[in-house]
Each structure stands twice: as C-alpha cells, then as structure tokens.
Amino acid sequence: MDDVSAVEKRTRVLLVEDEPQISDIATEALEEQGFEVEAVSNAGDALRRLTSGLPVDILFTDVNLHGGMDGAALARLARELRPGLPVIYTSGGQAVIESMIPVEGSMFVAKPYDPFRIGRLLDYLVAASRISAPLAAAGKA
C-alpha cells in the first residue's frame, strides 16, 4: 500500500449477502476498488457488527436473507441504531422489490449487478450522507 492510500480514509462497507459466491465476488471487487469490506451472511451478524461499534459507512444488503430477518427489516433496525446510515439493497426477485418498504434515501440495485459499478454508487451515497449530516444538524440548531 502506498503512502497516500494508507493515509486516506477508506469507505467501510457492511456487506450482507447469504450466497457465498456472490459475497466473495462482491467483496473482492469492492476491495480492489479501495473499500474496506466486512462481509456477513445474515441480518443477525450484521446487527451484532452495528451494535459492537464497528465503523460502518454504508450498508449493502441483499433483501432475501436466510435466518428470519430480511434486508428491509435489517435496514430499518440499522437506521434506528445509526440514523443517516446510507443503504443499498439488492435482490434478484421482482416480487420482493415491489412489496418492500425501503428506508428513506436508500437505493436499489437489481441482481445480477456489476460489482465494479457498485463502487461508484457506494461512493456517491457515502459522500451525500457526509454532506447532508452537517446540514441536518445545522437545521436543528
């Protein structure tokens, strides 16, 4: 790692994907783009990471997850724990998308997706949240 990238703050992604092959491909592609990725396979593990104080800049979650809680419910709980946390959902099931109630300001990417294009979207949402947080705080003052 060169001196510049060692000093720069890397965007920390909490990736929630229960399909190991998809998780591995997305993790590798995002890490190649400079992201720090914490990959978990279910909502329970993701919530444990969020409550542990693990630094997370963005939640990237599959909607269809095994283990009793889907990605939409996870995103709602994540936002209760960390208001303003950027969220990107993904799914290959159209019916799930149509019945889901997303958290405010979130985005959706259909599967199959190009993990190299996702990097730009992650950067955009994190940058937007960093700009809007001080503006929201100023509005409350």
C-alpha atoms as a PDB file:
ATOM      1  CA  MET A   1       0.000   0.000   0.000  1.00  0.00           C
ATOM      2  CA  ASP A   2       1.450   3.402  -0.927  1.00  0.00           C
ATOM      3  CA  ASP A   3       1.693   6.342   1.491  1.00  0.00           C
ATOM      4  CA  VAL A   4      -1.270   8.215   0.010  1.00  0.00           C
ATOM      5  CA  SER A   5      -3.742   5.344   0.262  1.00  0.00           C
ATOM      6  CA  ALA A   6      -2.531   4.430   3.759  1.00  0.00           C
ATOM      7  CA  VAL A   7      -3.404   7.936   4.941  1.00  0.00           C
ATOM      8  CA  GLU A   8      -6.726   8.239   3.110  1.00  0.00           C
ATOM      9  CA  LYS A   9      -9.842   7.104   4.923  1.00  0.00           C
ATOM     10  CA  ARG A  10     -11.255   4.014   3.245  1.00  0.00           C
ATOM     11  CA  THR A  11     -15.019   3.700   2.961  1.00  0.00           C
ATOM     12  CA  ARG A  12     -16.197   0.867   5.219  1.00  0.00           C
ATOM     13  CA  VAL A  13     -18.920  -1.318   3.737  1.00  0.00           C
ATOM     14  CA  LEU A  14     -21.035  -3.777   5.706  1.00  0.00           C
ATOM     15  CA  LEU A  15     -21.992  -6.321   3.030  1.00  0.00           C
ATOM     16  CA  VAL A  16     -24.841  -8.664   3.928  1.00  0.00           C
ATOM     17  CA  GLU A  17     -25.165 -11.499   1.408  1.00  0.00           C
ATOM     18  CA  ASP A  18     -26.135 -15.103   2.143  1.00  0.00           C
ATOM     19  CA  GLU A  19     -24.900 -16.514  -1.166  1.00  0.00           C
ATOM     20  CA  PRO A  20     -21.176 -17.226  -0.547  1.00  0.00           C
ATOM     21  CA  GLN A  21     -20.121 -16.949  -4.193  1.00  0.00           C
ATOM     22  CA  ILE A  22     -21.839 -13.571  -4.644  1.00  0.00           C
ATOM     23  CA  SER A  23     -20.424 -12.346  -1.336  1.00  0.00           C
ATOM     24  CA  ASP A  24     -16.898 -13.379  -2.301  1.00  0.00           C
ATOM     25  CA  ILE A  25     -17.089 -11.762  -5.741  1.00  0.00           C
ATOM     26  CA  ALA A  26     -18.569  -8.518  -4.388  1.00  0.00           C
ATOM     27  CA  THR A  27     -16.068  -8.360  -1.519  1.00  0.00           C
ATOM     28  CA  GLU A  28     -13.087  -8.906  -3.800  1.00  0.00           C
ATOM     29  CA  ALA A  29     -14.286  -6.353  -6.376  1.00  0.00           C
ATOM     30  CA  LEU A  30     -15.027  -3.713  -3.741  1.00  0.00           C
ATOM     31  CA  GLU A  31     -11.692  -4.270  -2.009  1.00  0.00           C
ATOM     32  CA  GLU A  32      -9.938  -3.885  -5.383  1.00  0.00           C
ATOM     33  CA  GLN A  33     -11.669  -0.506  -5.635  1.00  0.00           C
ATOM     34  CA  GLY A  34     -10.292   0.565  -2.251  1.00  0.00           C
ATOM     35  CA  PHE A  35     -13.223  -0.207   0.022  1.00  0.00           C
ATOM     36  CA  GLU A  36     -12.843  -1.896   3.383  1.00  0.00           C
ATOM     37  CA  VAL A  37     -15.464  -4.669   3.393  1.00  0.00           C
ATOM     38  CA  GLU A  38     -16.929  -6.550   6.342  1.00  0.00           C
ATOM     39  CA  ALA A  39     -18.987  -9.368   4.808  1.00  0.00           C
ATOM     40  CA  VAL A  40     -21.603 -11.281   6.815  1.00  0.00           C
ATOM     41  CA  SER A  41     -24.182 -13.813   5.712  1.00  0.00           C
ATOM     42  CA  ASN A  42     -27.255 -12.822   7.737  1.00  0.00           C
ATOM     43  CA  ALA A  43     -29.047  -9.929   9.422  1.00  0.00           C
ATOM     44  CA  GLY A  44     -28.226 -11.132  12.942  1.00  0.00           C
ATOM     45  CA  ASP A  45     -24.487 -10.961  12.272  1.00  0.00           C
ATOM     46  CA  ALA A  46     -24.913  -7.550  10.653  1.00  0.00           C
ATOM     47  CA  LEU A  47     -26.778  -6.212  13.695  1.00  0.00           C
ATOM     48  CA  ARG A  48     -24.084  -7.563  16.008  1.00  0.00           C
ATOM     49  CA  ARG A  49     -21.474  -5.682  13.955  1.00  0.00           C
ATOM     50  CA  LEU A  50     -23.533  -2.489  14.095  1.00  0.00           C
ATOM     51  CA  THR A  51     -24.138  -2.701  17.857  1.00  0.00           C
ATOM     52  CA  SER A  52     -20.477  -3.545  18.521  1.00  0.00           C
ATOM     53  CA  GLY A  53     -19.419  -0.107  17.391  1.00  0.00           C
ATOM     54  CA  LEU A  54     -17.715  -1.369  14.233  1.00  0.00           C
ATOM     55  CA  PRO A  55     -17.191   1.649  11.980  1.00  0.00           C
ATOM     56  CA  VAL A  56     -19.569   1.343   9.025  1.00  0.00           C
ATOM     57  CA  ASP A  57     -20.034   3.970   6.327  1.00  0.00           C
ATOM     58  CA  ILE A  58     -22.669   2.142   4.274  1.00  0.00           C
ATOM     59  CA  LEU A  59     -24.904  -0.947   4.455  1.00  0.00           C
ATOM     60  CA  PHE A  60     -25.120  -3.013   1.256  1.00  0.00           C
ATOM     61  CA  THR A  61     -27.654  -5.780   1.820  1.00  0.00           C
ATOM     62  CA  ASP A  62     -29.477  -8.436  -0.094  1.00  0.00           C
ATOM     63  CA  VAL A  63     -33.219  -8.233   0.502  1.00  0.00           C
ATOM     64  CA  ASN A  64     -33.729 -12.019   0.602  1.00  0.00           C
ATOM     65  CA  LEU A  65     -31.730 -13.319   3.544  1.00  0.00           C
ATOM     66  CA  HIS A  66     -31.846 -16.631   5.369  1.00  0.00           C
ATOM     67  CA  GLY A  67     -32.257 -16.625   9.118  1.00  0.00           C
ATOM     68  CA  GLY A  68     -35.588 -14.991   9.857  1.00  0.00           C
ATOM     69  CA  MET A  69     -34.938 -11.319   9.027  1.00  0.00           C
ATOM     70  CA  ASP A  70     -34.824  -9.872   5.537  1.00  0.00           C
ATOM     71  CA  GLY A  71     -32.695  -6.995   4.321  1.00  0.00           C
ATOM     72  CA  ALA A  72     -35.536  -4.462   4.532  1.00  0.00           C
ATOM     73  CA  ALA A  73     -36.091  -5.187   8.241  1.00  0.00           C
ATOM     74  CA  LEU A  74     -32.326  -5.113   8.776  1.00  0.00           C
ATOM     75  CA  ALA A  75     -32.089  -1.670   7.155  1.00  0.00           C
ATOM     76  CA  ARG A  76     -34.858  -0.291   9.390  1.00  0.00           C
ATOM     77  CA  LEU A  77     -33.081  -1.559  12.526  1.00  0.00           C
ATOM     78  CA  ALA A  78     -29.718  -0.336  11.237  1.00  0.00           C
ATOM     79  CA  ARG A  79     -31.179   3.146  10.788  1.00  0.00           C
ATOM     80  CA  GLU A  80     -32.535   3.069  14.359  1.00  0.00           C
ATOM     81  CA  LEU A  81     -29.017   2.259  15.552  1.00  0.00           C
ATOM     82  CA  ARG A  82     -27.271   4.632  13.158  1.00  0.00           C
ATOM     83  CA  PRO A  83     -29.543   7.355  11.779  1.00  0.00           C
ATOM     84  CA  GLY A  84     -28.449   8.530   8.375  1.00  0.00           C
ATOM     85  CA  LEU A  85     -26.543   5.335   7.525  1.00  0.00           C
ATOM     86  CA  PRO A  86     -26.608   5.008   3.727  1.00  0.00           C
ATOM     87  CA  VAL A  87     -28.299   1.824   2.495  1.00  0.00           C
ATOM     88  CA  ILE A  88     -28.195  -0.014  -0.819  1.00  0.00           C
ATOM     89  CA  TYR A  89     -30.481  -3.003  -1.315  1.00  0.00           C
ATOM     90  CA  THR A  90     -30.034  -5.736  -3.877  1.00  0.00           C
ATOM     91  CA  SER A  91     -32.212  -8.633  -4.986  1.00  0.00           C
ATOM     92  CA  GLY A  92     -32.965 -10.787  -7.970  1.00  0.00           C
ATOM     93  CA  GLY A  93     -36.634 -11.198  -7.083  1.00  0.00           C
ATOM     94  CA  GLN A  94     -39.054  -8.693  -8.596  1.00  0.00           C
ATOM     95  CA  ALA A  95     -41.921  -9.579  -6.202  1.00  0.00           C
ATOM     96  CA  VAL A  96     -39.752  -8.764  -3.202  1.00  0.00           C
ATOM     97  CA  ILE A  97     -38.860  -5.379  -4.634  1.00  0.00           C
ATOM     98  CA  GLU A  98     -42.477  -4.441  -5.246  1.00  0.00           C
ATOM     99  CA  SER A  99     -43.604  -5.357  -1.718  1.00  0.00           C
ATOM    100  CA  MET A 100     -40.634  -3.875   0.135  1.00  0.00           C
ATOM    101  CA  ILE A 101     -40.756  -0.565   2.015  1.00  0.00           C
ATOM    102  CA  PRO A 102     -37.243   0.899   1.770  1.00  0.00           C
ATOM    103  CA  VAL A 103     -35.675   3.278   4.276  1.00  0.00           C
ATOM    104  CA  GLU A 104     -35.566   6.931   3.239  1.00  0.00           C
ATOM    105  CA  GLY A 105     -32.800   7.877   0.845  1.00  0.00           C
ATOM    106  CA  SER A 106     -31.825   4.293   0.061  1.00  0.00           C
ATOM    107  CA  MET A 107     -31.136   2.866  -3.362  1.00  0.00           C
ATOM    108  CA  PHE A 108     -31.835  -0.455  -5.032  1.00  0.00           C
ATOM    109  CA  VAL A 109     -29.638  -2.418  -7.446  1.00  0.00           C
ATOM    110  CA  ALA A 110     -31.055  -5.456  -9.240  1.00  0.00           C
ATOM    111  CA  LYS A 111     -29.124  -8.720  -9.436  1.00  0.00           C
ATOM    112  CA  PRO A 112     -27.099  -9.600 -11.305  1.00  0.00           C
ATOM    113  CA  TYR A 113     -25.076  -6.443 -10.839  1.00  0.00           C
ATOM    114  CA  ASP A 114     -21.585  -5.415 -11.847  1.00  0.00           C
ATOM    115  CA  PRO A 115     -19.654  -5.075  -8.552  1.00  0.00           C
ATOM    116  CA  PHE A 116     -17.279  -2.596 -10.165  1.00  0.00           C
ATOM    117  CA  ARG A 117     -20.186  -0.254 -10.967  1.00  0.00           C
ATOM    118  CA  ILE A 118     -21.481  -0.626  -7.399  1.00  0.00           C
ATOM    119  CA  GLY A 119     -18.316   1.053  -6.139  1.00  0.00           C
ATOM    120  CA  ARG A 120     -19.281   4.357  -7.744  1.00  0.00           C
ATOM    121  CA  LEU A 121     -22.762   4.133  -6.250  1.00  0.00           C
ATOM    122  CA  LEU A 122     -21.337   3.411  -2.789  1.00  0.00           C
ATOM    123  CA  ASP A 123     -19.009   6.410  -3.086  1.00  0.00           C
ATOM    124  CA  TYR A 124     -21.906   8.621  -4.149  1.00  0.00           C
ATOM    125  CA  LEU A 125     -24.179   7.634  -1.254  1.00  0.00           C
ATOM    126  CA  VAL A 126     -21.439   7.946   1.358  1.00  0.00           C
ATOM    127  CA  ALA A 127     -20.411  11.367   0.044  1.00  0.00           C
ATOM    128  CA  ALA A 128     -24.044  12.522   0.019  1.00  0.00           C
ATOM    129  CA  SER A 129     -24.534  11.352   3.618  1.00  0.00           C
ATOM    130  CA  ARG A 130     -21.377  13.174   4.758  1.00  0.00           C
ATOM    131  CA  ILE A 131     -22.645  16.378   3.167  1.00  0.00           C
ATOM    132  CA  SER A 132     -26.212  16.073   4.445  1.00  0.00           C
ATOM    133  CA  ALA A 133     -25.321  15.197   8.071  1.00  0.00           C
ATOM    134  CA  PRO A 134     -23.866  18.645   8.908  1.00  0.00           C
ATOM    135  CA  LEU A 135     -26.708  20.336   7.028  1.00  0.00           C
ATOM    136  CA  ALA A 136     -29.305  18.385   9.020  1.00  0.00           C
ATOM    137  CA  ALA A 137     -27.556  19.223  12.285  1.00  0.00           C
ATOM    138  CA  ALA A 138     -27.442  22.914  11.356  1.00  0.00           C
ATOM    139  CA  GLY A 139     -31.163  22.856  10.601  1.00  0.00           C
ATOM    140  CA  LYS A 140     -31.911  21.536  14.093  1.00  0.00           C
ATOM    141  CA  ALA A 141     -29.899  24.292  15.797  1.00  0.00           C
END
